[in-house]
Amino acid sequence: MSQSASKPRKIIAAMRPGRSRTYRPAIPVLAIAVAALLAGCAKRDSITVGAVPDDYRTTHPIVIAEKVQKIDLPVGAGDRGMTGSQRATLLGFLDGYDKSAAPALTISIPSGSANEIAATAAGRDFARLAIASGISRNRIAVTTYQSVSAEASAPIRVAFVSVKAQTDKCGRWPEDLLETSENKHYADFGCSYQNNLAAQMANPADLIGPRKQSDIDAENRGEVIDVYRQRGISDEFLGNSEVEY
């Protein structure tokens, strides 16, 4: 009996080391899982890729700002009042005057020049033409400026301030295009496009928000609908269509 009782004890003792070997790998796995959870709570510095702007709309943004619109009209010493060419040129310039904003229109006449008398007469005619084109009389200011030379004929300058969409000047070449390994556009890229787009804006406020919707032309809408109804389906459409009507 003593021998049979001692045999099971030896078997149990032999099995215990095997059980301990099967549970040992669980300890490293649990430690790795805890370390991964703690690593998720750690603070990390954010890294922004492409932080340097590389878009022509960012490099050459269109901004809305006040800009002085001016034109110099030459006046001969022998002229007597406004000429036909001066009238046509001035009318074209005044087309850009915003009558709703009504900025001050300045007519600067030269003083001490060879054409001072002729310029004074022409300047008065310029003011009358501006009033006739719809500019209020109290928004026109006639001033004088000192001519640089008494022997030269100085021009009359007409100017007013307007709100325009504009961008920076083009033609900047700060570095050689061939001496770079970066896959980025050059400094002047897109400048002409942005300037042309800004020049086409009749109302710079359109860049800020939409206008109020205008009233519908009911008469024109009715005519268009009648034409559409009477036209029916063209033979060309029926020949190319896969649907039978």
Protein backbone atom coordinates (compact mmCIF):
# COMPACT_ATOMS: atom_id res chain seq x y z
CA MET A 1 0.00 0.00 0.00
CA SER A 2 2.83 2.37 0.75
CA GLN A 3 4.31 1.89 -2.70
CA SER A 4 0.96 2.42 -4.46
CA ALA A 5 0.30 5.55 -2.42
CA SER A 6 3.66 7.01 -3.23
CA LYS A 7 3.26 6.57 -7.00
CA PRO A 8 0.41 9.06 -7.42
CA ARG A 9 2.40 11.61 -5.48
CA LYS A 10 5.24 11.26 -7.93
CA ILE A 11 2.86 11.68 -10.87
CA ILE A 12 1.33 14.83 -9.39
CA ALA A 13 4.74 16.22 -8.71
CA ALA A 14 5.72 15.51 -12.32
CA MET A 15 2.61 17.24 -13.68
CA ARG A 16 3.03 20.45 -11.68
CA PRO A 17 6.05 21.69 -13.61
CA GLY A 18 4.12 21.20 -16.86
CA ARG A 19 1.20 23.30 -15.59
CA SER A 20 3.51 26.09 -14.57
CA ARG A 21 5.06 26.12 -18.04
CA THR A 22 1.64 26.50 -19.71
CA TYR A 23 0.73 29.63 -17.67
CA ARG A 24 4.08 31.47 -17.87
CA PRO A 25 3.47 33.17 -21.29
CA ALA A 26 0.34 34.95 -19.90
CA ILE A 27 2.46 37.27 -17.75
CA PRO A 28 4.41 38.97 -20.61
CA VAL A 29 1.24 39.31 -22.73
CA LEU A 30 -0.58 41.06 -19.88
CA ALA A 31 2.37 43.41 -19.34
CA ILE A 32 2.42 44.35 -23.03
CA ALA A 33 -1.33 45.08 -22.99
CA VAL A 34 -1.03 47.34 -19.94
CA ALA A 35 1.91 49.18 -21.52
CA ALA A 36 -0.11 49.76 -24.71
CA LEU A 37 -3.00 51.22 -22.72
CA LEU A 38 -0.69 53.56 -20.85
CA ALA A 39 0.99 54.62 -24.07
CA GLY A 40 -2.37 55.75 -25.46
CA CYS A 41 -2.72 58.24 -22.60
CA ALA A 42 0.70 59.80 -23.19
CA LYS A 43 0.98 63.37 -24.57
CA ARG A 44 2.28 63.70 -28.11
CA ASP A 45 3.36 66.78 -30.04
CA SER A 46 1.18 67.34 -33.13
CA ILE A 47 3.00 67.53 -36.45
CA THR A 48 1.35 69.43 -39.32
CA VAL A 49 2.40 68.20 -42.74
CA GLY A 50 2.59 70.84 -45.46
CA ALA A 51 2.50 73.79 -43.09
CA VAL A 52 4.10 76.06 -45.70
CA PRO A 53 1.33 77.50 -47.96
CA ASP A 54 1.71 76.37 -51.57
CA ASP A 55 -1.52 77.66 -53.09
CA TYR A 56 -1.59 80.66 -55.44
CA ARG A 57 -4.81 81.85 -53.77
CA THR A 58 -2.94 82.02 -50.47
CA THR A 59 0.21 83.50 -51.97
CA HIS A 60 -1.71 86.14 -53.96
CA PRO A 61 -5.01 86.68 -52.14
CA ILE A 62 -7.68 88.96 -53.56
CA VAL A 63 -8.49 91.72 -51.08
CA ILE A 64 -11.03 94.54 -51.11
CA ALA A 65 -9.50 97.95 -50.48
CA GLU A 66 -9.82 101.58 -51.44
CA LYS A 67 -7.91 102.61 -54.54
CA VAL A 68 -7.43 106.02 -56.12
CA GLN A 69 -8.68 106.06 -59.70
CA LYS A 70 -6.97 108.88 -61.60
CA ILE A 71 -6.38 110.10 -65.12
CA ASP A 72 -4.14 112.86 -66.48
CA LEU A 73 -5.63 114.81 -69.38
CA PRO A 74 -3.11 116.85 -71.40
CA VAL A 75 -4.12 120.41 -72.25
CA GLY A 76 -2.41 122.49 -74.90
CA ALA A 77 -1.52 126.12 -74.24
CA GLY A 78 -3.57 127.17 -77.26
CA ASP A 79 -6.70 125.20 -76.35
CA ARG A 80 -9.91 127.07 -75.59
CA GLY A 81 -11.95 124.88 -73.33
CA MET A 82 -12.52 121.15 -73.48
CA THR A 83 -11.76 119.37 -76.73
CA GLY A 84 -13.67 116.47 -78.26
CA SER A 85 -11.00 113.91 -77.43
CA GLN A 86 -10.84 115.13 -73.83
CA ARG A 87 -14.61 114.82 -73.56
CA ALA A 88 -14.62 111.23 -74.82
CA THR A 89 -11.74 110.24 -72.56
CA LEU A 90 -13.28 111.83 -69.48
CA LEU A 91 -16.68 110.23 -70.09
CA GLY A 92 -15.02 106.83 -70.32
CA PHE A 93 -13.20 107.48 -67.06
CA LEU A 94 -16.36 108.62 -65.28
CA ASP A 95 -18.10 105.37 -66.22
CA GLY A 96 -16.21 103.80 -63.31
CA TYR A 97 -17.58 106.36 -60.85
CA ASP A 98 -19.99 104.77 -58.36
CA LYS A 99 -22.89 107.21 -58.05
CA SER A 100 -24.42 105.24 -55.17
CA ALA A 101 -21.26 105.64 -53.07
CA ALA A 102 -20.72 109.19 -54.40
CA PRO A 103 -17.03 109.69 -53.54
CA ALA A 104 -15.45 113.11 -53.96
CA LEU A 105 -14.32 113.87 -57.51
CA THR A 106 -11.18 116.00 -57.56
CA ILE A 107 -10.16 118.08 -60.59
CA SER A 108 -6.60 119.34 -60.11
CA ILE A 109 -5.64 122.25 -62.39
CA PRO A 110 -1.96 123.19 -62.85
CA SER A 111 -0.79 126.58 -61.64
CA GLY A 112 2.27 128.44 -62.89
CA SER A 113 2.55 126.40 -66.08
CA ALA A 114 2.60 127.50 -69.69
CA ASN A 115 -0.97 126.29 -70.19
CA GLU A 116 -2.43 127.68 -66.95
CA ILE A 117 -5.13 129.78 -68.66
CA ALA A 118 -6.16 127.00 -71.04
CA ALA A 119 -6.15 124.44 -68.22
CA THR A 120 -8.38 126.64 -66.06
CA ALA A 121 -10.96 126.91 -68.83
CA ALA A 122 -10.80 123.19 -69.57
CA GLY A 123 -11.11 122.36 -65.86
CA ARG A 124 -14.38 124.27 -65.63
CA ASP A 125 -15.69 122.35 -68.64
CA PHE A 126 -14.63 119.08 -66.99
CA ALA A 127 -16.69 119.97 -63.92
CA ARG A 128 -19.75 120.77 -66.05
CA LEU A 129 -19.41 117.48 -67.89
CA ALA A 130 -19.18 115.59 -64.59
CA ILE A 131 -22.38 117.25 -63.37
CA ALA A 132 -24.13 116.44 -66.65
CA SER A 133 -23.11 112.78 -66.31
CA GLY A 134 -24.95 112.50 -62.98
CA ILE A 135 -22.35 113.42 -60.35
CA SER A 136 -23.64 115.71 -57.64
CA ARG A 137 -22.29 119.26 -57.71
CA ASN A 138 -21.31 119.18 -54.03
CA ARG A 139 -19.15 116.08 -54.62
CA ILE A 140 -16.88 117.87 -57.13
CA ALA A 141 -13.80 119.69 -55.82
CA VAL A 142 -11.70 121.87 -58.14
CA THR A 143 -8.17 122.42 -56.79
CA THR A 144 -4.82 123.62 -58.11
CA TYR A 145 -1.30 122.27 -57.87
CA GLN A 146 2.04 123.94 -58.53
CA SER A 147 3.63 123.04 -61.85
CA VAL A 148 7.23 121.87 -61.83
CA SER A 149 8.22 123.98 -64.82
CA ALA A 150 6.80 127.29 -65.96
CA GLU A 151 7.68 126.53 -69.56
CA ALA A 152 5.99 123.13 -69.76
CA SER A 153 2.30 122.35 -70.24
CA ALA A 154 1.09 120.34 -67.24
CA PRO A 155 -1.96 118.05 -67.43
CA ILE A 156 -5.24 118.24 -65.52
CA ARG A 157 -5.63 115.36 -63.09
CA VAL A 158 -9.10 113.97 -62.38
CA ALA A 159 -9.32 111.49 -59.52
CA PHE A 160 -11.74 109.78 -57.15
CA VAL A 161 -11.50 107.01 -54.56
CA SER A 162 -13.28 103.71 -55.19
CA VAL A 163 -13.47 100.32 -53.53
CA LYS A 164 -11.83 97.72 -55.73
CA ALA A 165 -10.89 94.07 -55.59
CA GLN A 166 -7.15 93.83 -56.03
CA THR A 167 -4.07 91.80 -55.21
CA ASP A 168 -0.35 92.42 -54.97
CA LYS A 169 1.84 93.40 -57.92
CA CYS A 170 3.15 90.70 -60.22
CA GLY A 171 6.68 90.17 -61.46
CA ARG A 172 8.40 89.01 -58.28
CA TRP A 173 11.28 86.60 -58.94
CA PRO A 174 13.14 86.31 -55.62
CA GLU A 175 15.03 83.16 -56.57
CA ASP A 176 16.20 81.15 -59.55
CA LEU A 177 13.64 78.60 -60.70
CA LEU A 178 16.35 76.09 -61.61
CA GLU A 179 18.17 76.24 -58.28
CA THR A 180 15.61 74.39 -56.19
CA SER A 181 14.76 70.79 -55.51
CA GLU A 182 11.38 71.48 -53.91
CA ASN A 183 8.27 70.47 -55.78
CA LYS A 184 6.55 73.83 -55.28
CA HIS A 185 5.40 76.58 -57.58
CA TYR A 186 7.42 79.75 -58.01
CA ALA A 187 6.64 83.01 -56.19
CA ASP A 188 4.87 84.71 -59.12
CA PHE A 189 2.73 81.69 -59.99
CA GLY A 190 -0.97 82.59 -60.28
CA CYS A 191 -0.44 86.34 -59.77
CA SER A 192 -1.66 87.36 -63.25
CA TYR A 193 -4.70 85.09 -62.94
CA GLN A 194 -5.67 86.62 -59.60
CA ASN A 195 -5.20 90.16 -60.94
CA ASN A 196 -7.37 89.46 -63.98
CA LEU A 197 -10.06 87.88 -61.81
CA ALA A 198 -10.04 90.90 -59.48
CA ALA A 199 -10.26 93.31 -62.43
CA GLN A 200 -13.41 91.57 -63.70
CA MET A 201 -15.32 92.16 -60.46
CA ALA A 202 -17.87 94.89 -61.18
CA ASN A 203 -19.02 94.82 -57.57
CA PRO A 204 -16.29 93.77 -55.09
CA ALA A 205 -18.98 93.08 -52.49
CA ASP A 206 -19.83 89.91 -54.45
CA LEU A 207 -16.67 88.36 -53.00
CA ILE A 208 -18.04 88.85 -49.49
CA GLY A 209 -21.60 87.64 -49.96
CA PRO A 210 -24.40 87.17 -52.49
CA ARG A 211 -26.61 89.99 -53.67
CA LYS A 212 -30.31 90.22 -53.06
CA GLN A 213 -32.27 88.27 -55.63
CA SER A 214 -33.82 90.54 -58.22
CA ASP A 215 -37.43 90.35 -59.35
CA ILE A 216 -38.32 87.89 -62.09
CA ASP A 217 -39.33 89.26 -65.47
CA ALA A 218 -42.77 87.66 -65.67
CA GLU A 219 -43.38 88.69 -69.28
CA ASN A 220 -40.11 87.25 -70.51
CA ARG A 221 -40.64 84.09 -68.48
CA GLY A 222 -44.08 83.58 -70.05
CA GLU A 223 -42.67 83.96 -73.56
CA VAL A 224 -39.91 81.44 -72.89
CA ILE A 225 -42.37 78.90 -71.51
CA ASP A 226 -44.70 79.34 -74.50
CA VAL A 227 -41.83 78.78 -76.93
CA TYR A 228 -40.82 75.67 -75.02
CA ARG A 229 -44.35 74.28 -75.11
CA GLN A 230 -44.91 74.98 -78.81
CA ARG A 231 -41.56 73.61 -79.83
CA GLY A 232 -42.37 70.06 -78.80
CA ILE A 233 -39.74 67.38 -79.35
CA SER A 234 -37.36 67.91 -82.23
CA ASP A 235 -36.82 65.26 -84.89
CA GLU A 236 -33.11 65.19 -84.11
CA PHE A 237 -33.82 64.30 -80.51
CA LEU A 238 -36.31 61.63 -81.50
CA GLY A 239 -33.80 60.08 -83.89
CA ASN A 240 -31.07 59.85 -81.26
CA SER A 241 -33.25 58.91 -78.32
CA GLU A 242 -33.58 55.35 -77.08
CA VAL A 243 -37.01 56.06 -75.63
CA GLU A 244 -40.16 55.87 -77.73
CA TYR A 245 -42.51 58.84 -77.35
